[in-house]
Amino acid sequence: MRNKKSEKDLEQANPEQQTERQAASQRFTRVRNNVHMDELRSRQDKKRHRRSVFYFFLFLGATVIFLAVCFFLFFRVSEIQLVGNEIYTEEQILEQLPFSVGENLFSFRVEEAENNLRKALPFIGDVKIKRSLPSVITVEISERHMELSLAVGDDAYLLSGDLQVLERIGGGDITDGVVLLKTGAVERCIVGEKVTFSDARTASDLEELYRCLSANGMMEHIRSIDMTSRFDITMDYEGRFSVYLADIDNMDIKIRFLAGIIEQLSSVDRGYIDLADCHEAAVRLENVPVS
């Protein structure tokens, strides 16, 4: 009893201490309430986050299922349009395509299909395959043409202007309307590939010569090109003139020079034209009547 009384007396004697205790108790209560509220908020945030993740994956799954259904049930090829083919028939081209009418529009890779078509059909120079939703595929084709013929051993090959090997023919079956080509040693000549030479510079020189002749409208007048030596290039112009070009340097100037010389000559003139010097040509006429 004495202890309880003394405590009571102590509290009455020290009102300031009692006030401090009450304030501390209130602060503790507020802190505890704040901690409790923070825990509640944290739990609610976690629930909202879990719900958001759940709905996101639910939406994603539904989208994937929808697209899969569209992929397999819709976008079926109903028409294949071929544009630009003259050498190859529609049947020949369709046989080489990795898709057909009724198949899915996205069941193949465009780049792979284009490359396979070029390899299978050598006369195709460029090809573009385009999808048009919902169900049409367009195949645009640019075909190569026979420009050159090259004898290799007992065989002969038809080449395009960019030296793509288009066809193998018999050694004595050189096709009319193409330029007879003579070169140094051939390293590789396979249908569907570009011809390669032991001297790699031969190919680039030939391509440059072809470009210059075509750009100046002269290719159709050339019967043969002799590039057995890259430094002694000669051409047969219409069977009337032997044209000496020397090397490939300044070839565009030389071909334009040749065109200007031909314009000044008559249709019955024949002879030899030396264009080794692109600034000064030498012309020797034989004046032999054309039989």
Protein backbone atom coordinates (compact mmCIF):
# COMPACT_ATOMS: atom_id res chain seq x y z
CA MET A 1 0.00 0.00 0.00
CA ARG A 2 2.82 2.25 0.93
CA ASN A 3 4.42 1.72 -2.55
CA LYS A 4 1.22 2.45 -4.41
CA LYS A 5 0.68 5.54 -2.38
CA SER A 6 4.18 6.72 -2.98
CA GLU A 7 3.76 6.25 -6.74
CA LYS A 8 0.55 8.20 -6.68
CA ASP A 9 2.15 10.90 -4.69
CA LEU A 10 5.08 10.89 -7.11
CA GLU A 11 2.81 11.34 -10.10
CA GLN A 12 0.99 14.17 -8.42
CA ALA A 13 4.29 15.69 -7.44
CA ASN A 14 5.67 15.48 -11.01
CA PRO A 15 2.94 16.52 -13.44
CA GLU A 16 5.55 17.35 -16.09
CA GLN A 17 6.81 13.79 -16.19
CA GLN A 18 3.24 12.52 -16.45
CA THR A 19 2.67 14.80 -19.46
CA GLU A 20 5.82 13.57 -21.12
CA ARG A 21 4.76 9.96 -20.65
CA GLN A 22 1.37 10.67 -22.20
CA ALA A 23 3.00 12.45 -25.15
CA ALA A 24 5.42 9.56 -25.68
CA SER A 25 2.55 7.10 -25.54
CA GLN A 26 0.63 9.10 -28.12
CA ARG A 27 3.68 9.28 -30.39
CA PHE A 28 4.15 5.54 -30.13
CA THR A 29 0.49 5.01 -30.97
CA ARG A 30 0.78 7.28 -34.03
CA VAL A 31 3.94 5.55 -35.24
CA ARG A 32 2.32 2.16 -34.79
CA ASN A 33 -0.74 3.34 -36.74
CA ASN A 34 1.46 4.76 -39.50
CA VAL A 35 3.38 1.48 -39.77
CA HIS A 36 0.11 -0.39 -39.96
CA MET A 37 -1.18 1.94 -42.71
CA ASP A 38 2.09 1.55 -44.65
CA GLU A 39 1.75 -2.20 -44.47
CA LEU A 40 -1.84 -1.99 -45.73
CA ARG A 41 -0.82 0.28 -48.60
CA SER A 42 2.08 -2.04 -49.51
CA ARG A 43 -0.22 -5.03 -49.58
CA GLN A 44 -2.75 -3.17 -51.73
CA ASP A 45 0.01 -2.05 -54.14
CA LYS A 46 1.24 -5.65 -54.46
CA LYS A 47 -2.31 -6.86 -55.14
CA ARG A 48 -2.80 -4.17 -57.80
CA HIS A 49 0.55 -5.09 -59.39
CA ARG A 50 -0.35 -8.80 -59.43
CA ARG A 51 -3.71 -7.98 -60.99
CA SER A 52 -2.04 -5.78 -63.63
CA VAL A 53 0.46 -8.53 -64.52
CA PHE A 54 -2.34 -11.09 -64.64
CA TYR A 55 -4.51 -8.97 -66.95
CA PHE A 56 -1.50 -8.15 -69.14
CA PHE A 57 -0.65 -11.80 -69.71
CA LEU A 58 -4.33 -12.60 -70.13
CA PHE A 59 -4.58 -9.95 -72.87
CA LEU A 60 -1.31 -11.11 -74.44
CA GLY A 61 -2.46 -14.71 -74.50
CA ALA A 62 -5.80 -13.76 -76.04
CA THR A 63 -3.98 -11.70 -78.71
CA VAL A 64 -1.63 -14.56 -79.55
CA ILE A 65 -4.55 -16.97 -79.84
CA PHE A 66 -6.44 -14.52 -82.05
CA LEU A 67 -3.45 -13.99 -84.34
CA ALA A 68 -2.81 -17.73 -84.51
CA VAL A 69 -6.42 -18.34 -85.52
CA CYS A 70 -6.17 -15.61 -88.17
CA PHE A 71 -2.86 -17.04 -89.40
CA PHE A 72 -4.16 -20.57 -89.84
CA LEU A 73 -7.73 -19.88 -90.90
CA PHE A 74 -7.41 -16.66 -92.85
CA PHE A 75 -4.86 -15.08 -95.25
CA ARG A 76 -4.98 -18.01 -97.65
CA VAL A 77 -3.44 -17.41 -101.08
CA SER A 78 -6.26 -17.00 -103.59
CA GLU A 79 -4.25 -15.63 -106.54
CA ILE A 80 -0.63 -15.57 -107.75
CA GLN A 81 0.10 -12.82 -110.27
CA LEU A 82 3.19 -13.12 -112.52
CA VAL A 83 4.54 -9.94 -114.10
CA GLY A 84 7.37 -9.55 -116.63
CA ASN A 85 7.98 -13.18 -117.61
CA GLU A 86 8.51 -13.78 -121.34
CA ILE A 87 11.10 -16.53 -121.60
CA TYR A 88 9.63 -18.79 -118.91
CA THR A 89 6.03 -19.96 -118.88
CA GLU A 90 3.77 -19.51 -115.86
CA GLU A 91 3.93 -23.26 -115.20
CA GLN A 92 7.74 -23.22 -115.08
CA ILE A 93 7.76 -20.37 -112.58
CA LEU A 94 4.95 -21.70 -110.39
CA GLU A 95 6.74 -25.05 -110.09
CA GLN A 96 9.71 -23.32 -108.45
CA LEU A 97 7.72 -21.27 -105.92
CA PRO A 98 7.51 -22.59 -102.32
CA PHE A 99 3.81 -21.72 -102.11
CA SER A 100 0.64 -22.29 -104.10
CA VAL A 101 -3.00 -21.25 -104.10
CA GLY A 102 -4.72 -22.28 -100.88
CA GLU A 103 -1.63 -22.09 -98.68
CA ASN A 104 -1.06 -19.50 -95.99
CA LEU A 105 0.13 -16.08 -97.17
CA PHE A 106 2.92 -16.01 -94.57
CA SER A 107 4.10 -19.61 -94.80
CA PHE A 108 7.38 -18.74 -96.59
CA ARG A 109 10.32 -16.34 -96.42
CA VAL A 110 10.30 -13.85 -99.29
CA GLU A 111 14.09 -13.47 -99.62
CA GLU A 112 14.64 -17.23 -99.64
CA ALA A 113 11.92 -17.75 -102.26
CA GLU A 114 13.45 -15.06 -104.50
CA ASN A 115 16.94 -16.55 -104.26
CA ASN A 116 15.70 -20.06 -105.03
CA LEU A 117 13.80 -18.82 -108.06
CA ARG A 118 16.90 -17.09 -109.46
CA LYS A 119 18.99 -20.22 -108.97
CA ALA A 120 16.43 -22.56 -110.53
CA LEU A 121 15.72 -20.34 -113.56
CA PRO A 122 18.97 -18.71 -114.80
CA PHE A 123 17.28 -16.31 -117.25
CA ILE A 124 15.67 -14.50 -114.31
CA GLY A 125 17.83 -11.51 -113.47
CA ASP A 126 15.78 -9.89 -110.73
CA VAL A 127 12.63 -10.99 -108.91
CA LYS A 128 10.45 -9.35 -106.28
CA ILE A 129 7.73 -11.21 -104.42
CA LYS A 130 5.08 -9.00 -102.80
CA ARG A 131 2.21 -9.93 -100.48
CA SER A 132 -1.04 -8.00 -100.82
CA LEU A 133 -3.52 -8.56 -98.01
CA PRO A 134 -5.65 -10.44 -97.63
CA SER A 135 -4.77 -13.12 -100.19
CA VAL A 136 -2.80 -12.04 -103.30
CA ILE A 137 0.89 -12.63 -104.09
CA THR A 138 2.59 -10.76 -106.95
CA VAL A 139 5.82 -12.06 -108.50
CA GLU A 140 7.60 -9.36 -110.52
CA ILE A 141 10.30 -10.74 -112.82
CA SER A 142 13.06 -9.09 -114.82
CA GLU A 143 14.59 -11.55 -117.28
CA ARG A 144 18.13 -11.66 -118.58
CA HIS A 145 18.78 -11.90 -122.31
CA MET A 146 21.41 -13.77 -124.28
CA GLU A 147 24.16 -11.31 -125.16
CA LEU A 148 27.39 -13.31 -125.34
CA SER A 149 28.54 -16.80 -126.26
CA LEU A 150 31.69 -18.33 -124.83
CA ALA A 151 33.43 -21.50 -125.98
CA VAL A 152 34.96 -23.60 -123.20
CA GLY A 153 36.64 -26.78 -124.44
CA ASP A 154 34.20 -28.70 -126.64
CA ASP A 155 31.17 -26.85 -125.25
CA ALA A 156 29.76 -23.37 -125.61
CA TYR A 157 27.73 -21.32 -123.17
CA LEU A 158 25.28 -18.46 -123.55
CA LEU A 159 25.89 -15.54 -121.21
CA SER A 160 24.04 -12.39 -120.21
CA GLY A 161 25.70 -9.00 -120.34
CA ASP A 162 26.64 -9.29 -116.66
CA LEU A 163 28.35 -12.65 -117.40
CA GLN A 164 25.66 -14.86 -115.89
CA VAL A 165 25.76 -18.32 -117.50
CA LEU A 166 22.30 -18.90 -118.95
CA GLU A 167 22.53 -22.06 -121.02
CA ARG A 168 24.95 -24.72 -122.22
CA ILE A 169 24.90 -25.48 -125.95
CA GLY A 170 26.92 -27.60 -128.36
CA GLY A 171 30.32 -26.30 -129.34
CA GLY A 172 29.27 -25.77 -132.96
CA ASP A 173 25.84 -24.32 -132.15
CA ILE A 174 26.80 -20.69 -131.58
CA THR A 175 23.51 -18.78 -131.62
CA ASP A 176 22.97 -15.98 -134.12
CA GLY A 177 22.45 -12.54 -132.65
CA VAL A 178 24.87 -12.95 -129.76
CA VAL A 179 28.45 -11.72 -129.52
CA LEU A 180 31.16 -14.37 -129.78
CA LEU A 181 33.47 -13.93 -126.83
CA LYS A 182 37.12 -15.02 -126.69
CA THR A 183 38.96 -14.79 -123.39
CA GLY A 184 41.86 -16.16 -121.44
CA ALA A 185 41.57 -19.27 -119.26
CA VAL A 186 38.12 -19.89 -117.78
CA GLU A 187 38.14 -21.07 -114.19
CA ARG A 188 34.44 -21.92 -113.69
CA CYS A 189 31.46 -21.91 -116.04
CA ILE A 190 28.25 -23.37 -114.61
CA VAL A 191 24.67 -22.61 -115.63
CA GLY A 192 23.04 -20.37 -113.04
CA GLU A 193 26.30 -18.79 -111.89
CA LYS A 194 28.57 -16.03 -113.15
CA VAL A 195 31.51 -17.20 -115.22
CA THR A 196 34.85 -16.76 -113.51
CA PHE A 197 38.29 -16.48 -115.12
CA SER A 198 41.77 -17.38 -113.97
CA ASP A 199 42.54 -13.67 -114.13
CA ALA A 200 39.77 -12.16 -111.99
CA ARG A 201 40.23 -8.75 -113.67
CA THR A 202 38.96 -10.15 -116.97
CA ALA A 203 35.39 -10.24 -115.66
CA SER A 204 35.41 -6.60 -114.50
CA ASP A 205 36.95 -5.48 -117.81
CA LEU A 206 34.31 -7.34 -119.80
CA GLU A 207 31.50 -5.86 -117.72
CA GLU A 208 32.90 -2.37 -118.22
CA LEU A 209 33.21 -2.90 -121.98
CA TYR A 210 29.64 -4.22 -122.17
CA ARG A 211 28.37 -1.26 -120.17
CA CYS A 212 30.06 1.25 -122.48
CA LEU A 213 28.84 -0.48 -125.66
CA SER A 214 25.27 -0.68 -124.36
CA ALA A 215 25.23 2.92 -123.13
CA ASN A 216 26.27 4.13 -126.59
CA GLY A 217 23.91 1.85 -128.55
CA MET A 218 26.77 -0.10 -130.09
CA MET A 219 26.23 -3.58 -128.71
CA GLU A 220 23.94 -4.72 -131.52
CA HIS A 221 26.67 -3.98 -134.08
CA ILE A 222 29.37 -6.07 -132.45
CA ARG A 223 29.90 -9.62 -133.73
CA SER A 224 32.82 -10.67 -131.59
CA ILE A 225 35.06 -9.50 -128.76
CA ASP A 226 38.54 -10.87 -128.31
CA MET A 227 39.89 -10.36 -124.79
CA THR A 228 42.42 -13.17 -124.81
CA SER A 229 44.76 -10.51 -123.50
CA ARG A 230 43.36 -7.74 -121.31
CA PHE A 231 45.84 -5.33 -122.88
CA ASP A 232 45.02 -6.13 -126.53
CA ILE A 233 41.23 -6.00 -126.78
CA THR A 234 39.78 -6.18 -130.28
CA MET A 235 36.22 -6.23 -131.65
CA ASP A 236 34.52 -7.11 -134.91
CA TYR A 237 32.10 -4.34 -135.92
CA GLU A 238 29.38 -5.66 -138.29
CA GLY A 239 31.93 -7.85 -140.05
CA ARG A 240 33.30 -4.67 -141.67
CA PHE A 241 35.80 -3.28 -139.20
CA SER A 242 38.37 -4.78 -136.92
CA VAL A 243 38.51 -2.37 -133.97
CA TYR A 244 41.57 -2.29 -131.73
CA LEU A 245 40.89 -0.93 -128.21
CA ALA A 246 44.12 -1.85 -126.39
CA ASP A 247 43.29 -1.95 -122.64
CA ILE A 248 40.13 -0.99 -120.71
CA ASP A 249 41.33 2.51 -119.78
CA ASN A 250 39.09 5.38 -121.02
CA MET A 251 36.77 2.81 -122.59
CA ASP A 252 33.72 5.06 -122.60
CA ILE A 253 35.65 7.73 -124.50
CA LYS A 254 36.95 5.13 -126.98
CA ILE A 255 33.46 3.76 -127.70
CA ARG A 256 32.02 7.25 -128.21
CA PHE A 257 35.00 8.00 -130.45
CA LEU A 258 34.21 4.84 -132.44
CA ALA A 259 30.55 5.86 -132.83
CA GLY A 260 31.64 9.25 -134.20
CA ILE A 261 34.03 7.63 -136.68
CA ILE A 262 31.39 5.19 -137.96
CA GLU A 263 29.00 8.07 -138.60
CA GLN A 264 31.51 9.64 -140.97
CA LEU A 265 32.08 6.46 -142.96
CA SER A 266 29.84 5.00 -145.64
CA SER A 267 27.94 1.74 -145.24
CA VAL A 268 30.27 -0.02 -147.70
CA ASP A 269 33.53 0.97 -146.05
CA ARG A 270 35.62 -1.78 -144.49
CA GLY A 271 38.97 -1.84 -142.76
CA TYR A 272 40.80 -1.37 -139.48
CA ILE A 273 40.22 1.18 -136.70
CA ASP A 274 42.87 1.74 -134.03
CA LEU A 275 41.58 3.38 -130.84
CA ALA A 276 44.54 2.65 -128.57
CA ASP A 277 44.93 6.42 -128.20
CA CYS A 278 41.58 7.77 -127.09
CA HIS A 279 42.52 11.25 -128.41
CA GLU A 280 43.63 10.27 -131.91
CA ALA A 281 42.31 7.31 -133.90
CA ALA A 282 43.92 5.62 -136.89
CA VAL A 283 41.60 4.36 -139.65
CA ARG A 284 42.74 2.18 -142.54
CA LEU A 285 40.12 1.45 -145.20
CA GLU A 286 40.28 -1.52 -147.53
CA ASN A 287 37.48 -0.27 -149.83
CA VAL A 288 36.41 -3.82 -150.56
CA PRO A 289 32.82 -3.97 -151.83
CA VAL A 290 30.45 -5.90 -149.59
CA SER A 291 29.45 -9.12 -151.32
